[in-house]
Amino acid sequence: MLNGFDLQVVINALPYLFMTGMAFTLTLTAFATLAGIAFGTLLAMMRLSRHRALAYMAAGYVNLLRSLPLVLVIFWFYFLVPYLAQWAMGASRPVRVDPFWSSVITFTLFEACYFCEIIRAGIQSLPKGQLLASQALGMHGGQSMLYVVLPQALRNMLPLMLTQTIILFQDTSLVYVLSITDFLGATAKVAQRDGRLLEMYIFAALVYFVISLLASHAARRLQRRVAIIR
């Protein structure tokens, strides 16, 4: 099956694959992770809120997004939002959505649901005595969460957050369906241009495997280092 396997095609394409494709993939992963954690924290606070309306709203959003395929959310945002923006703004034609920012917003909205559950579980993993002790010191709810609960919960959340970031890194390949030049998209363009699909897709699989394996190993080491012995 590997007769005629041309490694030179891969070598020649390396600058384009990494400087253009992988740069886009890593940038999208970084932006979506940071924004997803921020939005996920807000959702987690809403789910833990004593106000039932806020808790139900956040729970409904999380359950809805988690029940949808990510590729469907990508299509929906990229193709439907321009028409919604046209209707809202009264424009004469659909409002153009930048592919990069469309991808960032889509992944932020989707991944925030998973970060929300990680953060919520991390907060709930702490003994209730921590919150009561902070309140006994005169802190109100916001101060207790910011200065006492979240810093301690972060220790429990870090490994899971890194694991979810690895999943996000892998999921970014789905933007290929929008013809965006991420790492997989760049690989496909070279493969079709040179007619070397086998070489390029094997190389892409190896790159994703190696990066994910190294990141998973880092997550396991981090989990051992931050584990609290009880």
C-alpha atoms as a PDB file:
ATOM      1  CA  MET A   1       0.000   0.000   0.000  1.00  0.00           C
ATOM      2  CA  LEU A   2       2.919   2.336   0.694  1.00  0.00           C
ATOM      3  CA  ASN A   3       4.615   1.709  -2.646  1.00  0.00           C
ATOM      4  CA  GLY A   4       5.583   5.065  -4.122  1.00  0.00           C
ATOM      5  CA  PHE A   5       5.157   6.869  -0.801  1.00  0.00           C
ATOM      6  CA  ASP A   6       6.700  10.309  -1.416  1.00  0.00           C
ATOM      7  CA  LEU A   7       7.951  11.889   1.806  1.00  0.00           C
ATOM      8  CA  GLN A   8       9.406  14.839  -0.103  1.00  0.00           C
ATOM      9  CA  VAL A   9       5.903  16.148  -0.746  1.00  0.00           C
ATOM     10  CA  VAL A  10       5.366  16.436   3.003  1.00  0.00           C
ATOM     11  CA  ILE A  11       8.747  18.080   3.556  1.00  0.00           C
ATOM     12  CA  ASN A  12       8.104  20.673   0.864  1.00  0.00           C
ATOM     13  CA  ALA A  13       4.726  21.528   2.367  1.00  0.00           C
ATOM     14  CA  LEU A  14       5.931  21.901   5.977  1.00  0.00           C
ATOM     15  CA  PRO A  15       6.285  25.732   5.974  1.00  0.00           C
ATOM     16  CA  TYR A  16       2.749  26.167   4.618  1.00  0.00           C
ATOM     17  CA  LEU A  17       1.243  23.514   6.878  1.00  0.00           C
ATOM     18  CA  PHE A  18       2.684  24.942  10.086  1.00  0.00           C
ATOM     19  CA  MET A  19       3.050  28.659   9.376  1.00  0.00           C
ATOM     20  CA  THR A  20      -0.462  28.950   7.939  1.00  0.00           C
ATOM     21  CA  GLY A  21      -2.505  25.896   8.934  1.00  0.00           C
ATOM     22  CA  MET A  22      -1.181  25.078  12.400  1.00  0.00           C
ATOM     23  CA  ALA A  23      -0.863  28.763  13.287  1.00  0.00           C
ATOM     24  CA  PHE A  24      -4.589  29.187  12.619  1.00  0.00           C
ATOM     25  CA  THR A  25      -5.463  26.030  14.576  1.00  0.00           C
ATOM     26  CA  LEU A  26      -3.430  27.029  17.645  1.00  0.00           C
ATOM     27  CA  THR A  27      -4.695  30.618  17.561  1.00  0.00           C
ATOM     28  CA  LEU A  28      -8.299  29.435  17.342  1.00  0.00           C
ATOM     29  CA  THR A  29      -7.678  26.957  20.182  1.00  0.00           C
ATOM     30  CA  ALA A  30      -6.148  29.649  22.414  1.00  0.00           C
ATOM     31  CA  PHE A  31      -8.870  32.245  21.790  1.00  0.00           C
ATOM     32  CA  ALA A  32     -11.718  29.737  22.169  1.00  0.00           C
ATOM     33  CA  THR A  33     -10.214  28.256  25.338  1.00  0.00           C
ATOM     34  CA  LEU A  34      -9.779  31.596  27.108  1.00  0.00           C
ATOM     35  CA  ALA A  35     -13.176  32.927  26.036  1.00  0.00           C
ATOM     36  CA  GLY A  36     -14.813  29.574  26.745  1.00  0.00           C
ATOM     37  CA  ILE A  37     -13.427  29.497  30.292  1.00  0.00           C
ATOM     38  CA  ALA A  38     -14.630  33.059  30.909  1.00  0.00           C
ATOM     39  CA  PHE A  39     -18.128  32.368  29.584  1.00  0.00           C
ATOM     40  CA  GLY A  40     -18.149  28.933  31.226  1.00  0.00           C
ATOM     41  CA  THR A  41     -17.366  30.521  34.593  1.00  0.00           C
ATOM     42  CA  LEU A  42     -20.330  32.860  34.161  1.00  0.00           C
ATOM     43  CA  LEU A  43     -22.581  29.919  33.269  1.00  0.00           C
ATOM     44  CA  ALA A  44     -21.319  27.965  36.277  1.00  0.00           C
ATOM     45  CA  MET A  45     -22.087  30.892  38.596  1.00  0.00           C
ATOM     46  CA  MET A  46     -25.587  31.085  37.111  1.00  0.00           C
ATOM     47  CA  ARG A  47     -26.149  27.341  37.570  1.00  0.00           C
ATOM     48  CA  LEU A  48     -25.076  27.568  41.195  1.00  0.00           C
ATOM     49  CA  SER A  49     -27.124  30.698  41.815  1.00  0.00           C
ATOM     50  CA  ARG A  50     -29.940  30.686  44.345  1.00  0.00           C
ATOM     51  CA  HIS A  51     -32.104  32.495  41.780  1.00  0.00           C
ATOM     52  CA  ARG A  52     -33.960  29.723  40.008  1.00  0.00           C
ATOM     53  CA  ALA A  53     -34.518  31.758  36.848  1.00  0.00           C
ATOM     54  CA  LEU A  54     -30.767  32.183  36.329  1.00  0.00           C
ATOM     55  CA  ALA A  55     -30.097  28.536  37.152  1.00  0.00           C
ATOM     56  CA  TYR A  56     -32.757  27.320  34.722  1.00  0.00           C
ATOM     57  CA  MET A  57     -31.547  29.622  31.947  1.00  0.00           C
ATOM     58  CA  ALA A  58     -27.961  28.417  32.289  1.00  0.00           C
ATOM     59  CA  ALA A  59     -28.996  24.769  32.569  1.00  0.00           C
ATOM     60  CA  GLY A  60     -31.203  25.073  29.488  1.00  0.00           C
ATOM     61  CA  TYR A  61     -28.406  26.668  27.480  1.00  0.00           C
ATOM     62  CA  VAL A  62     -25.839  24.071  28.545  1.00  0.00           C
ATOM     63  CA  ASN A  63     -28.143  21.123  27.886  1.00  0.00           C
ATOM     64  CA  LEU A  64     -29.230  22.502  24.513  1.00  0.00           C
ATOM     65  CA  LEU A  65     -25.720  23.112  23.182  1.00  0.00           C
ATOM     66  CA  ARG A  66     -24.400  19.806  24.508  1.00  0.00           C
ATOM     67  CA  SER A  67     -27.182  17.960  22.689  1.00  0.00           C
ATOM     68  CA  LEU A  68     -26.228  19.422  19.297  1.00  0.00           C
ATOM     69  CA  PRO A  69     -23.408  18.211  17.030  1.00  0.00           C
ATOM     70  CA  LEU A  70     -20.611  20.778  16.918  1.00  0.00           C
ATOM     71  CA  VAL A  71     -20.497  20.726  13.115  1.00  0.00           C
ATOM     72  CA  LEU A  72     -24.179  21.742  13.066  1.00  0.00           C
ATOM     73  CA  VAL A  73     -23.454  24.694  15.356  1.00  0.00           C
ATOM     74  CA  ILE A  74     -20.579  25.744  13.077  1.00  0.00           C
ATOM     75  CA  PHE A  75     -22.823  25.645  10.002  1.00  0.00           C
ATOM     76  CA  TRP A  76     -25.659  27.406  11.792  1.00  0.00           C
ATOM     77  CA  PHE A  77     -23.559  30.302  13.014  1.00  0.00           C
ATOM     78  CA  TYR A  78     -21.615  30.810   9.801  1.00  0.00           C
ATOM     79  CA  PHE A  79     -24.553  30.610   7.366  1.00  0.00           C
ATOM     80  CA  LEU A  80     -27.560  31.739   9.420  1.00  0.00           C
ATOM     81  CA  VAL A  81     -26.184  34.578  11.532  1.00  0.00           C
ATOM     82  CA  PRO A  82     -25.459  36.833   8.486  1.00  0.00           C
ATOM     83  CA  TYR A  83     -29.181  36.703   7.640  1.00  0.00           C
ATOM     84  CA  LEU A  84     -30.195  37.335  11.257  1.00  0.00           C
ATOM     85  CA  ALA A  85     -27.824  40.320  11.333  1.00  0.00           C
ATOM     86  CA  GLN A  86     -29.320  41.578   8.063  1.00  0.00           C
ATOM     87  CA  TRP A  87     -32.806  41.390   9.564  1.00  0.00           C
ATOM     88  CA  ALA A  88     -31.757  43.025  12.851  1.00  0.00           C
ATOM     89  CA  MET A  89     -29.840  45.852  11.180  1.00  0.00           C
ATOM     90  CA  GLY A  90     -32.247  46.360   8.294  1.00  0.00           C
ATOM     91  CA  ALA A  91     -29.404  45.889   5.805  1.00  0.00           C
ATOM     92  CA  SER A  92     -30.017  45.285   2.126  1.00  0.00           C
ATOM     93  CA  ARG A  93     -27.905  42.142   2.052  1.00  0.00           C
ATOM     94  CA  PRO A  94     -26.579  39.526   4.517  1.00  0.00           C
ATOM     95  CA  VAL A  95     -23.879  40.885   6.824  1.00  0.00           C
ATOM     96  CA  ARG A  96     -20.542  39.224   6.143  1.00  0.00           C
ATOM     97  CA  VAL A  97     -19.108  37.267   9.062  1.00  0.00           C
ATOM     98  CA  ASP A  98     -15.334  36.903   9.251  1.00  0.00           C
ATOM     99  CA  PRO A  99     -14.497  33.159   9.153  1.00  0.00           C
ATOM    100  CA  PHE A 100     -11.949  33.376  11.971  1.00  0.00           C
ATOM    101  CA  TRP A 101     -14.157  35.289  14.389  1.00  0.00           C
ATOM    102  CA  SER A 102     -17.127  33.180  13.385  1.00  0.00           C
ATOM    103  CA  SER A 103     -15.101  30.119  14.404  1.00  0.00           C
ATOM    104  CA  VAL A 104     -13.950  31.734  17.663  1.00  0.00           C
ATOM    105  CA  ILE A 105     -17.491  32.676  18.674  1.00  0.00           C
ATOM    106  CA  THR A 106     -18.893  29.283  17.678  1.00  0.00           C
ATOM    107  CA  PHE A 107     -16.296  27.334  19.655  1.00  0.00           C
ATOM    108  CA  THR A 108     -16.621  29.726  22.595  1.00  0.00           C
ATOM    109  CA  LEU A 109     -20.381  29.246  22.791  1.00  0.00           C
ATOM    110  CA  PHE A 110     -20.065  25.477  22.430  1.00  0.00           C
ATOM    111  CA  GLU A 111     -17.052  24.751  24.618  1.00  0.00           C
ATOM    112  CA  ALA A 112     -18.272  27.066  27.381  1.00  0.00           C
ATOM    113  CA  CYS A 113     -20.898  24.419  28.165  1.00  0.00           C
ATOM    114  CA  TYR A 114     -18.209  21.862  28.947  1.00  0.00           C
ATOM    115  CA  PHE A 115     -16.017  24.322  30.843  1.00  0.00           C
ATOM    116  CA  CYS A 116     -19.135  25.295  32.804  1.00  0.00           C
ATOM    117  CA  GLU A 117     -19.608  21.733  34.030  1.00  0.00           C
ATOM    118  CA  ILE A 118     -15.906  21.404  34.885  1.00  0.00           C
ATOM    119  CA  ILE A 119     -15.948  24.644  36.869  1.00  0.00           C
ATOM    120  CA  ARG A 120     -19.230  23.774  38.589  1.00  0.00           C
ATOM    121  CA  ALA A 121     -17.881  20.369  39.600  1.00  0.00           C
ATOM    122  CA  GLY A 122     -14.659  21.983  40.857  1.00  0.00           C
ATOM    123  CA  ILE A 123     -16.574  24.424  43.034  1.00  0.00           C
ATOM    124  CA  GLN A 124     -18.859  21.731  44.401  1.00  0.00           C
ATOM    125  CA  SER A 125     -15.853  19.534  45.213  1.00  0.00           C
ATOM    126  CA  LEU A 126     -14.782  21.927  47.985  1.00  0.00           C
ATOM    127  CA  PRO A 127     -16.036  21.397  51.541  1.00  0.00           C
ATOM    128  CA  LYS A 128     -18.897  23.749  52.388  1.00  0.00           C
ATOM    129  CA  GLY A 129     -16.926  24.799  55.439  1.00  0.00           C
ATOM    130  CA  GLN A 130     -14.666  26.906  53.218  1.00  0.00           C
ATOM    131  CA  LEU A 131     -17.564  29.093  52.153  1.00  0.00           C
ATOM    132  CA  LEU A 132     -18.953  29.300  55.662  1.00  0.00           C
ATOM    133  CA  ALA A 133     -15.550  30.266  57.065  1.00  0.00           C
ATOM    134  CA  SER A 134     -15.195  33.108  54.546  1.00  0.00           C
ATOM    135  CA  GLN A 135     -18.664  34.366  55.404  1.00  0.00           C
ATOM    136  CA  ALA A 136     -17.758  34.236  59.083  1.00  0.00           C
ATOM    137  CA  LEU A 137     -14.884  36.595  58.277  1.00  0.00           C
ATOM    138  CA  GLY A 138     -17.362  39.113  56.888  1.00  0.00           C
ATOM    139  CA  MET A 139     -17.032  38.384  53.180  1.00  0.00           C
ATOM    140  CA  HIS A 140     -20.129  38.569  51.007  1.00  0.00           C
ATOM    141  CA  GLY A 141     -20.947  35.959  48.374  1.00  0.00           C
ATOM    142  CA  GLY A 142     -18.926  37.508  45.548  1.00  0.00           C
ATOM    143  CA  GLN A 143     -15.825  37.988  47.678  1.00  0.00           C
ATOM    144  CA  SER A 144     -16.057  34.453  49.050  1.00  0.00           C
ATOM    145  CA  MET A 145     -16.256  33.025  45.548  1.00  0.00           C
ATOM    146  CA  LEU A 146     -13.464  35.202  44.147  1.00  0.00           C
ATOM    147  CA  TYR A 147     -10.929  35.012  46.980  1.00  0.00           C
ATOM    148  CA  VAL A 148     -11.661  31.679  48.670  1.00  0.00           C
ATOM    149  CA  VAL A 149     -13.639  29.236  46.542  1.00  0.00           C
ATOM    150  CA  LEU A 150     -12.346  29.740  42.974  1.00  0.00           C
ATOM    151  CA  PRO A 151      -8.598  29.750  43.835  1.00  0.00           C
ATOM    152  CA  GLN A 152      -8.966  26.413  45.624  1.00  0.00           C
ATOM    153  CA  ALA A 153     -11.332  24.938  43.029  1.00  0.00           C
ATOM    154  CA  LEU A 154      -8.889  25.879  40.269  1.00  0.00           C
ATOM    155  CA  ARG A 155      -6.458  23.324  41.656  1.00  0.00           C
ATOM    156  CA  ASN A 156      -9.005  20.573  41.056  1.00  0.00           C
ATOM    157  CA  MET A 157     -10.119  21.951  37.695  1.00  0.00           C
ATOM    158  CA  LEU A 158      -6.771  22.451  35.943  1.00  0.00           C
ATOM    159  CA  PRO A 159      -6.214  18.870  34.696  1.00  0.00           C
ATOM    160  CA  LEU A 160      -9.778  18.613  33.377  1.00  0.00           C
ATOM    161  CA  MET A 161      -9.503  22.016  31.735  1.00  0.00           C
ATOM    162  CA  LEU A 162      -6.329  20.947  29.962  1.00  0.00           C
ATOM    163  CA  THR A 163      -8.027  17.739  28.833  1.00  0.00           C
ATOM    164  CA  GLN A 164     -10.968  19.738  27.458  1.00  0.00           C
ATOM    165  CA  THR A 165      -8.516  22.028  25.669  1.00  0.00           C
ATOM    166  CA  ILE A 166      -7.012  18.969  23.954  1.00  0.00           C
ATOM    167  CA  ILE A 167     -10.490  17.977  22.794  1.00  0.00           C
ATOM    168  CA  LEU A 168     -11.034  21.539  21.576  1.00  0.00           C
ATOM    169  CA  PHE A 169      -7.750  21.402  19.650  1.00  0.00           C
ATOM    170  CA  GLN A 170      -8.930  18.252  17.901  1.00  0.00           C
ATOM    171  CA  ASP A 171     -12.394  19.675  17.233  1.00  0.00           C
ATOM    172  CA  THR A 172     -10.979  22.733  15.467  1.00  0.00           C
ATOM    173  CA  SER A 173     -10.430  20.485  12.446  1.00  0.00           C
ATOM    174  CA  LEU A 174     -14.200  20.747  11.855  1.00  0.00           C
ATOM    175  CA  VAL A 175     -13.780  24.279  10.480  1.00  0.00           C
ATOM    176  CA  TYR A 176     -12.480  22.478   7.394  1.00  0.00           C
ATOM    177  CA  VAL A 177     -16.133  22.124   6.337  1.00  0.00           C
ATOM    178  CA  LEU A 178     -16.202  25.921   5.882  1.00  0.00           C
ATOM    179  CA  SER A 179     -13.104  25.769   3.631  1.00  0.00           C
ATOM    180  CA  ILE A 180     -11.074  27.583   6.303  1.00  0.00           C
ATOM    181  CA  THR A 181      -7.349  26.959   6.119  1.00  0.00           C
ATOM    182  CA  ASP A 182      -6.663  25.367   9.460  1.00  0.00           C
ATOM    183  CA  PHE A 183      -4.083  22.576   9.725  1.00  0.00           C
ATOM    184  CA  LEU A 184      -6.408  19.965   8.239  1.00  0.00           C
ATOM    185  CA  GLY A 185      -7.609  22.401   5.596  1.00  0.00           C
ATOM    186  CA  ALA A 186      -4.032  23.215   4.601  1.00  0.00           C
ATOM    187  CA  THR A 187      -3.257  19.493   4.443  1.00  0.00           C
ATOM    188  CA  ALA A 188      -6.257  18.873   2.180  1.00  0.00           C
ATOM    189  CA  LYS A 189      -5.266  21.693  -0.181  1.00  0.00           C
ATOM    190  CA  VAL A 190      -1.740  20.328  -0.581  1.00  0.00           C
ATOM    191  CA  ALA A 191      -3.048  16.774  -0.974  1.00  0.00           C
ATOM    192  CA  GLN A 192      -5.447  17.783  -3.744  1.00  0.00           C
ATOM    193  CA  ARG A 193      -2.939  20.063  -5.454  1.00  0.00           C
ATOM    194  CA  ASP A 194      -0.185  17.437  -5.618  1.00  0.00           C
ATOM    195  CA  GLY A 195      -2.418  14.385  -5.811  1.00  0.00           C
ATOM    196  CA  ARG A 196      -0.731  12.844  -2.738  1.00  0.00           C
ATOM    197  CA  LEU A 197      -3.654  12.183  -0.412  1.00  0.00           C
ATOM    198  CA  LEU A 198      -2.060   9.213   1.357  1.00  0.00           C
ATOM    199  CA  GLU A 199       1.111  11.010   2.371  1.00  0.00           C
ATOM    200  CA  MET A 200      -0.587  14.201   3.500  1.00  0.00           C
ATOM    201  CA  TYR A 201      -3.405  12.648   5.510  1.00  0.00           C
ATOM    202  CA  ILE A 202      -1.078  10.180   7.234  1.00  0.00           C
ATOM    203  CA  PHE A 203       1.174  13.083   8.180  1.00  0.00           C
ATOM    204  CA  ALA A 204      -1.789  15.125   9.471  1.00  0.00           C
ATOM    205  CA  ALA A 205      -2.956  12.186  11.586  1.00  0.00           C
ATOM    206  CA  LEU A 206       0.535  11.791  13.054  1.00  0.00           C
ATOM    207  CA  VAL A 207       0.769  15.479  13.925  1.00  0.00           C
ATOM    208  CA  TYR A 208      -2.595  15.472  15.703  1.00  0.00           C
ATOM    209  CA  PHE A 209      -1.656  12.238  17.479  1.00  0.00           C
ATOM    210  CA  VAL A 210       1.737  13.486  18.696  1.00  0.00           C
ATOM    211  CA  ILE A 211       0.436  16.866  19.910  1.00  0.00           C
ATOM    212  CA  SER A 212      -2.548  15.293  21.675  1.00  0.00           C
ATOM    213  CA  LEU A 213      -0.364  12.570  23.215  1.00  0.00           C
ATOM    214  CA  LEU A 214       2.143  15.076  24.590  1.00  0.00           C
ATOM    215  CA  ALA A 215      -0.627  17.313  25.929  1.00  0.00           C
ATOM    216  CA  SER A 216      -2.368  14.323  27.545  1.00  0.00           C
ATOM    217  CA  HIS A 217       0.897  13.316  29.199  1.00  0.00           C
ATOM    218  CA  ALA A 218       1.273  16.877  30.501  1.00  0.00           C
ATOM    219  CA  ALA A 219      -2.297  16.740  31.860  1.00  0.00           C
ATOM    220  CA  ARG A 220      -1.567  13.503  33.740  1.00  0.00           C
ATOM    221  CA  ARG A 221       1.619  14.923  35.239  1.00  0.00           C
ATOM    222  CA  LEU A 222      -0.224  18.084  36.233  1.00  0.00           C
ATOM    223  CA  GLN A 223      -2.959  16.020  37.859  1.00  0.00           C
ATOM    224  CA  ARG A 224      -0.383  14.163  39.973  1.00  0.00           C
ATOM    225  CA  ARG A 225       1.356  17.374  40.979  1.00  0.00           C
ATOM    226  CA  VAL A 226      -1.754  19.304  42.003  1.00  0.00           C
ATOM    227  CA  ALA A 227      -3.579  16.378  43.620  1.00  0.00           C
ATOM    228  CA  ILE A 228      -4.502  17.091  47.187  1.00  0.00           C
ATOM    229  CA  ILE A 229      -3.864  14.212  49.564  1.00  0.00           C
ATOM    230  CA  ARG A 230      -6.833  13.949  51.920  1.00  0.00           C
END
